[in-house]
Amino acid sequence: MCGILAIIGKGKDEALVKQLSKRMSHRGPDESDLHVTEKGHILSHERLSIIDLNTGKQPIQGTKDAWMVHNGEIYNHKELRTTVLASHTFRTTSDSEVIVHLYEEFGYDFCHMLDGIFGFVVIDGDDFIAGRDPLGVKPLYYGIDDRGRMYFSSEMKSIADQCQTFSTFPPGHYYTPKTGFVKYYRPQWEDITKAVQPVDYQAIRETLTQAVEKRLMSDVPIGVLLSGGLDSSLTSSIEARAMKKLGKTLHSFSIGLDDSAPDAVAARAVAEFLGTQHHEVHFTIEQGIEILDKLIWHLETYDVTSIRASTPMYFLSKAITDMGIKVVVSGEGYDEIFGVYIYFRNSLSAEDFQRETMDRVQKLFTADLLRADKSTMAHGLEARVPFLDKKFLELAIQIKPEEKEPLTYNGIEKYILRKAFDTPEQPYLPDSVLWRQKEQFSDGVGYNWIDTLIEYCSAQVTDEQMASAAERFPYNTPATKEAYFYRSVFHKHFPQVSAAQTVRKWIPKWQANTDPSGRANAAHVQADTAIAQQKIVV
């Protein structure tokens, strides 16, 4: 994981580019470098060393004149080296280097060969290609300045004041000057009529296990984010089993306002069951409020849900890196794939349910993935997300919606995942966790966090300011005082119209209350009763 900056076009001051790149040095605190090509284009890189600690410095030169920078991880890089790139000579053992060689071998048509997460730019003379991973796990922005130079950057802050216009690079696409944007990721699940497969519990278990094990690729210490919810508990269990085979102990991490926070209690039980070396981190509401300004600068969003949930993750990430760990496995993605948010229970039909799951997966890069990347990378921590593995996603999202809907299982959400890992002979988790109702991460750290945060933000905004919100913020006008406060902080750091347009607000469908917290939905109370039944037979 790193921070990349590329400027296509001549005449940009090298010293200024170094300063722009350093605005995201938090993404790559280990080393940095810059290369100016013969044509005057510039590539800059802020490196977090994960693979090939000694020779993996970027930018990396290909066999001849092509140069590249990459942010992310390529999990199948060894396979690519020994198959389609077997005739190539490599300068490093870095996973990133395969990208420039794939370009040299196949031209523009290679992004579909990459199994991993990435934002990259390859420059070859005056030709270039930029690409982003299928779902946008890694951030990437692009823009154009007043002299027609094109910019690509891992974070908006490095280019916002340099470009006349800029935007979010679309996931699953690549861009070249000859083709413009090209959508290379075209999975079958984008056609909702293909969601007709019955549940295969064994395949769910085996595919997720492979996805987690794949993400243990690292030359540095690795841990796991353990909230105590089902998703993170299962990834922790799978990872703990794999680490045990290697004779290693897994470090797990949880956060809460205090020892009694819902997630902290559950995480403690999971850690004890799995035998991990567990670390609990606590923060106060006052500390959370104090860092809001800096947090929004890091997140580059004013989305209410993202800010609420990023605050605990920001504190947790710092604590993890302070312990010398650079990589963690995280549980984002399952909720969207299987439609387990409480509001999904109000869907009007199976088709609407499936369409909403697909829509939420496709927009993850605007919310949960943005939060997972930027709140961790603010402290140089890499988060890996196995639920969004391409193979697992293909398997899971094509299950017919009638078998995903919680009402099919008496209101027990995530029944499919629970059932897939319900193996009494070799249990992955204790029943009390395997069948526990989910909490939204921002709620699970302690309910007082959200309640007090809303009160604080509301106190910072007057009724007069709220009444004229549409005049000050005509685009994405904030609807609450909390949203207005976040938007004001964001506007201070990123006043450009283009910046505001990169943000997508998320409001749950099919419920009257527009607050994104799960507790805002009446179905949450009903779910408490249903989940108490725990296992059911279907």
Protein backbone atom coordinates (compact mmCIF):
# COMPACT_ATOMS: atom_id res chain seq x y z
CA MET A 1 0.00 0.00 0.00
CA CYS A 2 1.28 3.39 -0.92
CA GLY A 3 0.45 6.80 -2.29
CA ILE A 4 0.99 7.50 -5.98
CA LEU A 5 1.05 10.75 -7.96
CA ALA A 6 1.50 10.95 -11.72
CA ILE A 7 1.49 14.07 -13.90
CA ILE A 8 1.25 13.59 -17.64
CA GLY A 9 2.56 16.69 -19.40
CA LYS A 10 5.70 18.80 -19.47
CA GLY A 11 6.79 21.74 -17.37
CA LYS A 12 5.69 20.91 -13.86
CA ASP A 13 8.20 22.00 -11.23
CA GLU A 14 9.86 18.95 -9.69
CA ALA A 15 10.17 20.51 -6.23
CA LEU A 16 6.45 21.35 -6.21
CA VAL A 17 5.53 17.82 -7.24
CA LYS A 18 7.53 16.47 -4.29
CA GLN A 19 5.54 18.74 -1.99
CA LEU A 20 2.24 17.62 -3.51
CA SER A 21 3.22 13.99 -3.09
CA LYS A 22 4.22 14.57 0.54
CA ARG A 23 0.65 15.63 1.33
CA MET A 24 -0.08 11.90 1.45
CA SER A 25 3.18 10.72 3.02
CA HIS A 26 1.05 9.07 5.71
CA ARG A 27 0.19 6.46 3.08
CA GLY A 28 3.85 5.59 2.60
CA PRO A 29 6.01 6.51 5.59
CA ASP A 30 8.88 4.13 4.74
CA GLU A 31 10.42 5.82 1.69
CA SER A 32 9.62 8.02 -1.29
CA ASP A 33 11.01 8.64 -4.74
CA LEU A 34 10.27 10.56 -7.92
CA HIS A 35 11.11 9.97 -11.57
CA VAL A 36 10.94 12.41 -14.48
CA THR A 37 10.69 10.60 -17.83
CA GLU A 38 12.58 11.62 -20.96
CA LYS A 39 9.36 13.24 -22.20
CA GLY A 40 9.01 15.33 -19.04
CA HIS A 41 6.20 13.37 -17.35
CA ILE A 42 6.52 12.80 -13.62
CA LEU A 43 5.85 9.78 -11.40
CA SER A 44 6.05 10.06 -7.61
CA HIS A 45 5.61 7.41 -4.94
CA GLU A 46 5.20 7.33 -1.15
CA ARG A 47 5.94 3.76 -0.07
CA LEU A 48 4.60 1.53 2.68
CA SER A 49 6.88 -1.51 2.46
CA ILE A 50 4.89 -4.74 2.60
CA ILE A 51 6.35 -7.02 -0.11
CA ASP A 52 10.05 -7.01 -1.10
CA LEU A 53 11.33 -4.72 1.62
CA ASN A 54 14.78 -4.32 0.05
CA THR A 55 14.36 -3.87 -3.72
CA GLY A 56 10.71 -2.91 -4.17
CA LYS A 57 11.20 0.86 -4.31
CA GLN A 58 9.06 2.71 -6.85
CA PRO A 59 8.75 4.11 -9.51
CA ILE A 60 9.81 0.87 -11.23
CA GLN A 61 11.21 0.68 -14.76
CA GLY A 62 10.11 -2.06 -17.12
CA THR A 63 12.34 -3.90 -19.56
CA LYS A 64 12.83 -0.82 -21.74
CA ASP A 65 11.34 2.67 -21.51
CA ALA A 66 8.11 2.13 -19.55
CA TRP A 67 7.89 3.26 -15.91
CA MET A 68 5.15 2.61 -13.36
CA VAL A 69 3.78 3.41 -9.89
CA HIS A 70 1.26 1.26 -8.05
CA ASN A 71 -0.76 1.45 -4.86
CA GLY A 72 -2.16 -1.88 -3.66
CA GLU A 73 -1.35 -5.57 -3.69
CA ILE A 74 -1.28 -8.10 -6.54
CA TYR A 75 -2.01 -11.47 -4.96
CA ASN A 76 -1.29 -13.56 -8.06
CA HIS A 77 2.03 -11.89 -8.94
CA LYS A 78 4.05 -15.08 -8.50
CA GLU A 79 1.71 -17.02 -10.79
CA LEU A 80 1.95 -14.27 -13.44
CA ARG A 81 5.75 -14.31 -13.26
CA THR A 82 5.91 -18.04 -13.94
CA THR A 83 3.25 -18.17 -16.67
CA VAL A 84 2.41 -15.31 -19.03
CA LEU A 85 5.51 -13.33 -17.98
CA ALA A 86 7.94 -16.25 -17.85
CA SER A 87 10.12 -14.74 -20.60
CA HIS A 88 10.52 -11.40 -18.80
CA THR A 89 13.47 -10.34 -16.65
CA PHE A 90 12.45 -8.66 -13.41
CA ARG A 91 14.34 -5.99 -11.49
CA THR A 92 12.62 -6.69 -8.12
CA THR A 93 10.63 -9.36 -6.30
CA SER A 94 7.84 -6.84 -5.67
CA ASP A 95 4.28 -7.81 -6.53
CA SER A 96 3.87 -4.40 -8.19
CA GLU A 97 6.40 -4.97 -10.96
CA VAL A 98 4.20 -7.43 -12.84
CA ILE A 99 2.01 -4.50 -13.90
CA VAL A 100 4.61 -2.84 -16.11
CA HIS A 101 5.57 -6.20 -17.63
CA LEU A 102 1.96 -7.04 -18.38
CA TYR A 103 1.72 -3.70 -20.19
CA GLU A 104 4.83 -4.52 -22.20
CA GLU A 105 3.46 -7.96 -23.06
CA PHE A 106 -0.23 -7.20 -23.73
CA GLY A 107 -0.55 -3.46 -24.26
CA TYR A 108 -3.70 -2.06 -22.67
CA ASP A 109 -5.51 -5.39 -22.31
CA PHE A 110 -4.27 -6.83 -19.02
CA CYS A 111 -6.18 -5.43 -16.03
CA HIS A 112 -8.49 -8.44 -15.98
CA MET A 113 -5.45 -10.64 -15.36
CA LEU A 114 -4.68 -8.97 -12.03
CA ASP A 115 -6.01 -10.59 -8.89
CA GLY A 116 -5.66 -7.91 -6.28
CA ILE A 117 -6.34 -4.32 -5.36
CA PHE A 118 -4.73 -1.48 -7.23
CA GLY A 119 -4.49 2.02 -8.51
CA PHE A 120 -1.62 2.34 -10.99
CA VAL A 121 -0.12 4.44 -13.77
CA VAL A 122 2.29 3.20 -16.45
CA ILE A 123 4.04 5.76 -18.67
CA ASP A 124 5.76 4.72 -21.90
CA GLY A 125 7.07 7.72 -23.86
CA ASP A 126 3.99 9.89 -24.40
CA ASP A 127 1.65 6.95 -24.05
CA PHE A 128 0.24 5.90 -20.68
CA ILE A 129 -2.38 3.78 -18.97
CA ALA A 130 -4.02 4.26 -15.57
CA GLY A 131 -6.23 1.67 -13.91
CA ARG A 132 -8.21 0.92 -10.76
CA ASP A 133 -9.21 -2.40 -9.20
CA PRO A 134 -12.67 -3.86 -9.91
CA LEU A 135 -14.52 -2.49 -6.86
CA GLY A 136 -12.35 0.47 -5.93
CA VAL A 137 -10.76 -0.98 -2.79
CA LYS A 138 -7.86 1.37 -3.44
CA PRO A 139 -8.61 5.06 -4.04
CA LEU A 140 -7.65 6.90 -7.22
CA TYR A 141 -8.44 10.41 -8.49
CA TYR A 142 -7.75 12.14 -11.79
CA GLY A 143 -7.82 15.75 -12.96
CA ILE A 144 -6.70 18.29 -15.57
CA ASP A 145 -4.91 21.60 -14.94
CA ASP A 146 -5.10 24.87 -16.87
CA ARG A 147 -2.31 23.76 -19.23
CA GLY A 148 -3.97 20.46 -20.13
CA ARG A 149 -1.72 18.30 -17.96
CA MET A 150 -3.42 15.21 -16.59
CA TYR A 151 -3.03 14.16 -12.95
CA PHE A 152 -3.58 10.85 -11.17
CA SER A 153 -3.33 10.52 -7.40
CA SER A 154 -4.24 8.17 -4.55
CA GLU A 155 -5.76 11.05 -2.62
CA MET A 156 -7.57 14.19 -3.68
CA LYS A 157 -5.48 16.47 -1.46
CA SER A 158 -2.42 16.12 -3.73
CA ILE A 159 -4.16 17.49 -6.81
CA ALA A 160 -7.22 19.51 -5.71
CA ASP A 161 -5.56 22.92 -5.82
CA GLN A 162 -3.63 22.11 -9.00
CA CYS A 163 -6.48 21.08 -11.28
CA GLN A 164 -9.30 23.04 -12.87
CA THR A 165 -11.48 19.97 -12.59
CA PHE A 166 -10.96 16.57 -10.99
CA SER A 167 -13.00 13.50 -10.11
CA THR A 168 -12.96 9.99 -8.74
CA PHE A 169 -11.45 7.40 -11.09
CA PRO A 170 -14.20 4.81 -11.72
CA PRO A 171 -13.52 1.31 -10.32
CA GLY A 172 -13.14 -1.53 -12.79
CA HIS A 173 -11.87 0.81 -15.53
CA TYR A 174 -8.62 1.76 -17.17
CA TYR A 175 -7.84 4.98 -19.01
CA THR A 176 -5.52 5.70 -21.94
CA PRO A 177 -5.24 8.81 -24.15
CA LYS A 178 -6.24 6.69 -27.14
CA THR A 179 -9.29 4.93 -25.68
CA GLY A 180 -10.53 7.15 -22.88
CA PHE A 181 -12.15 5.20 -20.04
CA VAL A 182 -12.67 1.50 -20.73
CA LYS A 183 -14.69 -0.79 -18.45
CA TYR A 184 -12.65 -3.99 -18.18
CA TYR A 185 -14.51 -5.57 -15.24
CA ARG A 186 -17.78 -7.03 -16.51
CA PRO A 187 -18.89 -9.75 -14.08
CA GLN A 188 -21.97 -11.84 -14.73
CA TRP A 189 -23.53 -10.68 -11.46
CA GLU A 190 -24.14 -7.21 -12.93
CA ASP A 191 -27.09 -8.83 -14.69
CA ILE A 192 -29.63 -9.32 -11.89
CA THR A 193 -31.36 -12.07 -13.88
CA LYS A 194 -28.27 -14.25 -13.25
CA ALA A 195 -29.00 -14.38 -9.51
CA VAL A 196 -30.61 -17.82 -9.68
CA GLN A 197 -28.15 -20.11 -7.90
CA PRO A 198 -29.07 -22.08 -4.76
CA VAL A 199 -26.91 -21.71 -1.67
CA ASP A 200 -23.85 -23.97 -1.55
CA TYR A 201 -22.73 -23.70 2.06
CA GLN A 202 -19.55 -25.71 1.55
CA ALA A 203 -18.52 -23.55 -1.41
CA ILE A 204 -19.13 -20.41 0.66
CA ARG A 205 -16.88 -21.74 3.42
CA GLU A 206 -14.11 -22.93 1.09
CA THR A 207 -14.07 -19.84 -1.13
CA LEU A 208 -13.95 -17.42 1.79
CA THR A 209 -11.18 -19.47 3.41
CA GLN A 210 -9.12 -19.24 0.21
CA ALA A 211 -9.78 -15.50 0.02
CA VAL A 212 -8.49 -14.93 3.55
CA GLU A 213 -5.43 -17.15 3.13
CA LYS A 214 -4.52 -15.37 -0.10
CA ARG A 215 -4.45 -12.07 1.79
CA LEU A 216 -1.86 -13.27 4.28
CA MET A 217 0.83 -12.53 1.66
CA SER A 218 3.26 -10.25 3.52
CA ASP A 219 6.90 -9.72 4.44
CA VAL A 220 5.86 -7.78 7.56
CA PRO A 221 3.74 -8.59 10.66
CA ILE A 222 0.01 -9.01 9.99
CA GLY A 223 -3.03 -8.81 12.25
CA VAL A 224 -6.81 -8.73 12.11
CA LEU A 225 -9.51 -6.19 12.98
CA LEU A 226 -11.85 -7.99 15.36
CA SER A 227 -15.02 -6.04 16.09
CA GLY A 228 -16.80 -9.01 17.59
CA GLY A 229 -19.34 -9.04 14.78
CA LEU A 230 -19.79 -12.09 12.60
CA ASP A 231 -17.78 -10.91 9.59
CA SER A 232 -14.61 -9.96 11.43
CA SER A 233 -14.92 -12.91 13.82
CA LEU A 234 -15.01 -15.41 10.96
CA THR A 235 -12.11 -13.82 9.08
CA SER A 236 -10.22 -13.82 12.39
CA SER A 237 -10.98 -17.51 12.87
CA ILE A 238 -9.83 -18.43 9.38
CA GLU A 239 -6.70 -16.32 9.73
CA ALA A 240 -5.92 -17.77 13.18
CA ARG A 241 -6.10 -21.30 11.78
CA ALA A 242 -3.75 -20.42 8.93
CA MET A 243 -1.29 -18.68 11.25
CA LYS A 244 -1.33 -21.64 13.63
CA LYS A 245 -0.21 -23.90 10.79
CA LEU A 246 2.77 -21.58 10.35
CA GLY A 247 3.53 -21.71 14.04
CA LYS A 248 2.56 -18.07 14.55
CA THR A 249 0.18 -16.30 16.91
CA LEU A 250 -2.37 -13.93 15.44
CA HIS A 251 -2.67 -10.41 16.85
CA SER A 252 -6.29 -9.22 17.01
CA PHE A 253 -7.49 -5.68 17.69
CA SER A 254 -10.77 -4.19 18.85
CA ILE A 255 -11.92 -0.74 19.93
CA GLY A 256 -14.64 0.72 22.10
CA LEU A 257 -15.46 3.60 24.39
CA ASP A 258 -14.91 1.27 27.33
CA ASP A 259 -14.82 -2.39 28.36
CA SER A 260 -18.60 -2.68 28.20
CA ALA A 261 -19.05 -1.58 24.56
CA PRO A 262 -21.03 -4.25 22.63
CA ASP A 263 -18.23 -4.98 20.18
CA ALA A 264 -15.52 -5.04 22.85
CA VAL A 265 -17.36 -7.65 24.89
CA ALA A 266 -17.95 -9.89 21.87
CA ALA A 267 -14.41 -9.43 20.54
CA ARG A 268 -12.96 -10.47 23.88
CA ALA A 269 -14.94 -13.71 23.78
CA VAL A 270 -13.84 -14.46 20.21
CA ALA A 271 -10.19 -13.75 20.95
CA GLU A 272 -10.25 -16.07 23.94
CA PHE A 273 -11.89 -18.81 21.88
CA LEU A 274 -9.38 -18.44 19.01
CA GLY A 275 -6.33 -17.98 21.21
CA THR A 276 -5.23 -14.75 19.59
CA GLN A 277 -3.02 -12.18 21.27
CA HIS A 278 -5.76 -9.65 21.74
CA HIS A 279 -5.42 -5.89 22.13
CA GLU A 280 -8.25 -3.62 23.23
CA VAL A 281 -8.09 0.07 22.41
CA HIS A 282 -10.30 2.68 24.03
CA PHE A 283 -11.06 6.27 23.13
CA THR A 284 -13.18 8.94 24.72
CA ILE A 285 -16.00 10.84 23.10
CA GLU A 286 -14.01 14.02 23.69
CA GLN A 287 -11.03 12.60 21.81
CA GLY A 288 -13.30 11.59 18.94
CA ILE A 289 -14.74 15.07 18.65
CA GLU A 290 -11.29 16.63 18.92
CA ILE A 291 -9.94 14.85 15.83
CA LEU A 292 -12.95 15.44 13.54
CA ASP A 293 -11.21 18.20 11.58
CA LYS A 294 -8.11 16.11 10.91
CA LEU A 295 -10.18 13.02 10.24
CA ILE A 296 -12.26 14.71 7.54
CA TRP A 297 -9.03 15.95 5.92
CA HIS A 298 -7.82 12.37 5.79
CA LEU A 299 -11.14 10.87 4.65
CA GLU A 300 -11.90 13.48 1.98
CA THR A 301 -15.63 13.06 2.49
CA TYR A 302 -18.54 14.65 4.32
CA ASP A 303 -20.68 11.51 4.32
CA VAL A 304 -22.24 11.10 7.77
CA THR A 305 -21.95 7.31 7.95
CA SER A 306 -18.30 7.30 6.88
CA ILE A 307 -17.26 9.91 9.43
CA ARG A 308 -19.10 8.26 12.32
CA ALA A 309 -17.54 4.87 11.62
CA SER A 310 -14.08 6.17 10.71
CA THR A 311 -13.44 7.81 14.06
CA PRO A 312 -12.93 4.59 16.04
CA MET A 313 -11.11 3.01 13.11
CA TYR A 314 -8.74 5.98 13.00
CA PHE A 315 -7.78 5.56 16.67
CA LEU A 316 -7.49 1.79 16.29
CA SER A 317 -5.21 2.08 13.27
CA LYS A 318 -2.78 4.31 15.11
CA ALA A 319 -2.59 1.89 18.01
CA ILE A 320 -1.92 -1.00 15.63
CA THR A 321 0.93 0.70 13.77
CA ASP A 322 2.40 1.84 17.09
CA MET A 323 2.79 -1.88 17.85
CA GLY A 324 4.74 -2.42 14.63
CA ILE A 325 2.02 -4.13 12.59
CA LYS A 326 1.49 -2.88 9.03
CA VAL A 327 -1.23 -5.17 7.62
CA VAL A 328 -4.67 -6.21 8.90
CA VAL A 329 -7.51 -8.27 7.50
CA SER A 330 -10.88 -6.51 7.71
CA GLY A 331 -14.49 -7.59 7.20
CA GLU A 332 -15.99 -5.02 4.79
CA GLY A 333 -18.30 -6.16 2.00
CA TYR A 334 -20.44 -9.01 3.27
CA ASP A 335 -23.29 -6.78 4.42
CA GLU A 336 -23.71 -5.35 0.92
CA ILE A 337 -23.30 -8.64 -0.95
CA PHE A 338 -25.98 -10.38 1.10
CA GLY A 339 -28.21 -7.40 1.84
CA VAL A 340 -28.13 -7.78 5.59
CA TYR A 341 -28.54 -4.16 6.64
CA ILE A 342 -31.76 -3.81 8.61
CA TYR A 343 -33.43 -1.62 5.97
CA PHE A 344 -33.25 -4.47 3.42
CA ARG A 345 -36.12 -6.11 5.33
CA ASN A 346 -38.39 -3.44 3.94
CA SER A 347 -37.57 -4.23 0.30
CA LEU A 348 -40.60 -4.41 -1.95
CA SER A 349 -39.67 -7.54 -3.92
CA ALA A 350 -36.91 -10.09 -4.47
CA GLU A 351 -35.88 -8.17 -7.58
CA ASP A 352 -35.62 -4.91 -5.63
CA PHE A 353 -33.61 -6.71 -2.95
CA GLN A 354 -31.13 -8.05 -5.53
CA ARG A 355 -30.86 -4.75 -7.35
CA GLU A 356 -30.09 -2.95 -4.10
CA THR A 357 -27.38 -5.46 -3.13
CA MET A 358 -25.73 -5.00 -6.51
CA ASP A 359 -26.00 -1.23 -6.26
CA ARG A 360 -24.48 -1.20 -2.76
CA VAL A 361 -21.55 -3.39 -3.86
CA GLN A 362 -20.88 -1.15 -6.84
CA LYS A 363 -20.91 1.95 -4.63
CA LEU A 364 -18.79 0.56 -1.80
CA PHE A 365 -15.87 2.67 -3.01
CA THR A 366 -17.79 5.81 -2.01
CA ALA A 367 -18.41 4.66 1.57
CA ASP A 368 -17.10 1.60 3.45
CA LEU A 369 -14.07 1.05 1.21
CA LEU A 370 -13.17 4.73 1.37
CA ARG A 371 -13.43 4.57 5.15
CA ALA A 372 -11.46 1.33 5.43
CA ASP A 373 -8.64 2.64 3.26
CA LYS A 374 -8.26 6.22 4.41
CA SER A 375 -8.80 5.78 8.14
CA THR A 376 -6.16 3.02 8.21
CA MET A 377 -3.74 4.54 5.72
CA ALA A 378 -3.83 7.77 7.73
CA HIS A 379 -1.37 5.86 9.94
CA GLY A 380 0.36 3.75 7.30
CA LEU A 381 -1.76 0.62 7.90
CA GLU A 382 -2.92 -1.61 5.06
CA ALA A 383 -6.40 -3.17 5.29
CA ARG A 384 -7.27 -6.24 3.19
CA VAL A 385 -10.88 -7.24 2.51
CA PRO A 386 -11.43 -10.95 1.67
CA PHE A 387 -15.23 -10.70 1.32
CA LEU A 388 -14.62 -8.68 -1.86
CA ASP A 389 -12.42 -11.32 -3.43
CA LYS A 390 -13.58 -11.73 -7.02
CA LYS A 391 -14.25 -15.46 -6.70
CA PHE A 392 -16.20 -15.10 -3.46
CA LEU A 393 -18.17 -12.22 -4.90
CA GLU A 394 -19.06 -14.19 -8.04
CA LEU A 395 -20.25 -17.10 -5.93
CA ALA A 396 -22.18 -15.14 -3.33
CA ILE A 397 -23.93 -12.40 -5.24
CA GLN A 398 -25.48 -14.83 -7.74
CA ILE A 399 -27.38 -16.70 -5.04
CA LYS A 400 -31.07 -16.15 -5.69
CA PRO A 401 -32.35 -13.27 -3.54
CA GLU A 402 -35.16 -15.34 -2.03
CA GLU A 403 -32.47 -17.34 -0.20
CA LYS A 404 -30.67 -14.21 1.03
CA GLU A 405 -33.59 -12.31 2.49
CA PRO A 406 -33.54 -12.43 6.33
CA LEU A 407 -37.29 -13.06 6.51
CA THR A 408 -36.60 -16.41 4.87
CA TYR A 409 -34.89 -17.41 8.11
CA ASN A 410 -37.31 -15.91 10.68
CA GLY A 411 -35.48 -12.58 10.60
CA ILE A 412 -31.98 -13.89 11.31
CA GLU A 413 -29.64 -11.81 9.19
CA LYS A 414 -26.47 -13.38 7.77
CA TYR A 415 -28.01 -16.82 8.13
CA ILE A 416 -26.13 -18.13 5.09
CA LEU A 417 -22.74 -17.16 6.46
CA ARG A 418 -23.62 -18.44 9.94
CA LYS A 419 -24.81 -21.76 8.55
CA ALA A 420 -21.80 -22.15 6.25
CA PHE A 421 -19.44 -21.96 9.21
CA ASP A 422 -21.60 -23.86 11.68
CA THR A 423 -19.34 -26.91 11.97
CA PRO A 424 -19.84 -28.40 15.46
CA GLU A 425 -17.08 -31.00 15.03
CA GLN A 426 -14.48 -28.26 14.48
CA PRO A 427 -16.19 -25.01 15.47
CA TYR A 428 -14.97 -21.76 13.97
CA LEU A 429 -16.68 -19.68 16.66
CA PRO A 430 -18.69 -20.17 19.83
CA ASP A 431 -22.43 -20.26 19.20
CA SER A 432 -22.91 -17.06 21.21
CA VAL A 433 -20.90 -15.20 18.55
CA LEU A 434 -21.80 -17.23 15.48
CA TRP A 435 -25.47 -16.37 16.03
CA ARG A 436 -25.09 -12.84 17.45
CA GLN A 437 -27.01 -9.97 15.83
CA LYS A 438 -24.82 -7.51 13.95
CA GLU A 439 -24.07 -3.98 15.12
CA GLN A 440 -23.07 -1.17 12.81
CA PHE A 441 -19.41 -0.52 13.57
CA SER A 442 -20.05 3.05 14.66
CA ASP A 443 -22.84 1.82 16.98
CA GLY A 444 -20.98 -1.19 18.30
CA VAL A 445 -18.12 0.79 19.82
CA GLY A 446 -20.68 2.24 22.29
CA TYR A 447 -24.06 3.85 21.66
CA ASN A 448 -23.10 7.04 23.51
CA TRP A 449 -20.60 7.81 20.74
CA ILE A 450 -23.24 8.45 18.08
CA ASP A 451 -25.70 10.16 20.39
CA THR A 452 -23.12 12.59 21.77
CA LEU A 453 -21.60 13.20 18.36
CA ILE A 454 -24.98 14.26 16.97
CA GLU A 455 -25.53 16.57 19.93
CA TYR A 456 -22.10 18.18 19.56
CA CYS A 457 -22.40 18.78 15.82
CA SER A 458 -25.90 20.16 16.17
CA ALA A 459 -24.70 22.65 18.76
CA GLN A 460 -22.13 24.01 16.30
CA VAL A 461 -24.75 24.96 13.69
CA THR A 462 -27.36 27.67 14.19
CA ASP A 463 -30.95 27.50 12.96
CA GLU A 464 -30.18 30.41 10.63
CA GLN A 465 -27.25 28.55 9.08
CA MET A 466 -29.39 25.48 8.60
CA ALA A 467 -32.16 27.51 6.99
CA SER A 468 -29.73 28.84 4.37
CA ALA A 469 -27.90 25.55 3.82
CA ALA A 470 -29.02 25.34 0.19
CA GLU A 471 -27.51 28.75 -0.54
CA ARG A 472 -24.11 27.86 0.88
CA PHE A 473 -24.09 24.26 -0.32
CA PRO A 474 -26.29 24.00 -3.43
CA TYR A 475 -24.77 20.63 -4.34
CA ASN A 476 -25.63 17.75 -1.96
CA THR A 477 -27.26 20.17 0.47
CA PRO A 478 -26.95 18.85 4.05
CA ALA A 479 -30.27 17.84 5.58
CA THR A 480 -29.27 17.81 9.26
CA LYS A 481 -27.09 19.93 11.49
CA GLU A 482 -24.66 17.05 11.89
CA ALA A 483 -24.29 16.81 8.11
CA TYR A 484 -23.95 20.60 7.86
CA PHE A 485 -21.09 20.60 10.36
CA TYR A 486 -19.17 17.88 8.48
CA ARG A 487 -19.76 19.67 5.20
CA SER A 488 -18.39 22.91 6.64
CA VAL A 489 -15.17 21.22 7.77
CA PHE A 490 -14.82 19.49 4.41
CA HIS A 491 -15.36 22.77 2.56
CA LYS A 492 -12.60 24.42 4.60
CA HIS A 493 -10.09 21.83 3.37
CA PHE A 494 -11.55 21.23 -0.10
CA PRO A 495 -13.50 24.30 -1.31
CA GLN A 496 -13.56 23.25 -4.96
CA VAL A 497 -16.87 22.27 -6.55
CA SER A 498 -15.14 19.21 -8.00
CA ALA A 499 -14.26 18.12 -4.46
CA ALA A 500 -17.88 18.24 -3.29
CA GLN A 501 -18.92 16.24 -6.34
CA THR A 502 -16.64 13.33 -5.45
CA VAL A 503 -18.80 12.55 -2.39
CA ARG A 504 -21.82 10.28 -2.54
CA LYS A 505 -24.13 10.39 0.46
CA TRP A 506 -25.79 7.15 1.52
CA ILE A 507 -29.31 7.11 2.91
CA PRO A 508 -30.97 3.70 3.46
CA LYS A 509 -33.95 2.96 1.24
CA TRP A 510 -37.42 1.89 2.32
CA GLN A 511 -37.45 3.60 5.73
CA ALA A 512 -38.91 6.89 6.89
CA ASN A 513 -36.02 7.83 9.18
CA THR A 514 -33.10 9.08 7.08
CA ASP A 515 -30.49 8.55 9.82
CA PRO A 516 -28.07 5.87 8.54
CA SER A 517 -27.68 4.17 11.92
CA GLY A 518 -29.27 0.73 12.06
CA ARG A 519 -30.98 1.75 15.29
CA ALA A 520 -33.06 4.22 13.29
CA ASN A 521 -34.96 1.36 11.69
CA ALA A 522 -37.85 -0.19 13.58
CA ALA A 523 -36.86 -3.60 12.25
CA HIS A 524 -33.79 -3.49 14.49
CA VAL A 525 -35.95 -4.07 17.58
CA GLN A 526 -37.77 -6.92 15.88
CA ALA A 527 -34.42 -8.47 14.93
CA ASP A 528 -33.36 -8.52 18.58
CA THR A 529 -36.22 -10.90 19.28
CA ALA A 530 -35.60 -13.08 16.23
CA ILE A 531 -31.88 -13.49 16.77
CA ALA A 532 -32.51 -14.67 20.32
CA GLN A 533 -33.85 -17.87 18.78
CA GLN A 534 -30.33 -18.39 17.40
CA LYS A 535 -30.20 -21.49 15.19
CA ILE A 536 -33.22 -22.54 13.21
CA VAL A 537 -33.78 -25.49 10.96
CA VAL A 538 -34.84 -24.87 7.37
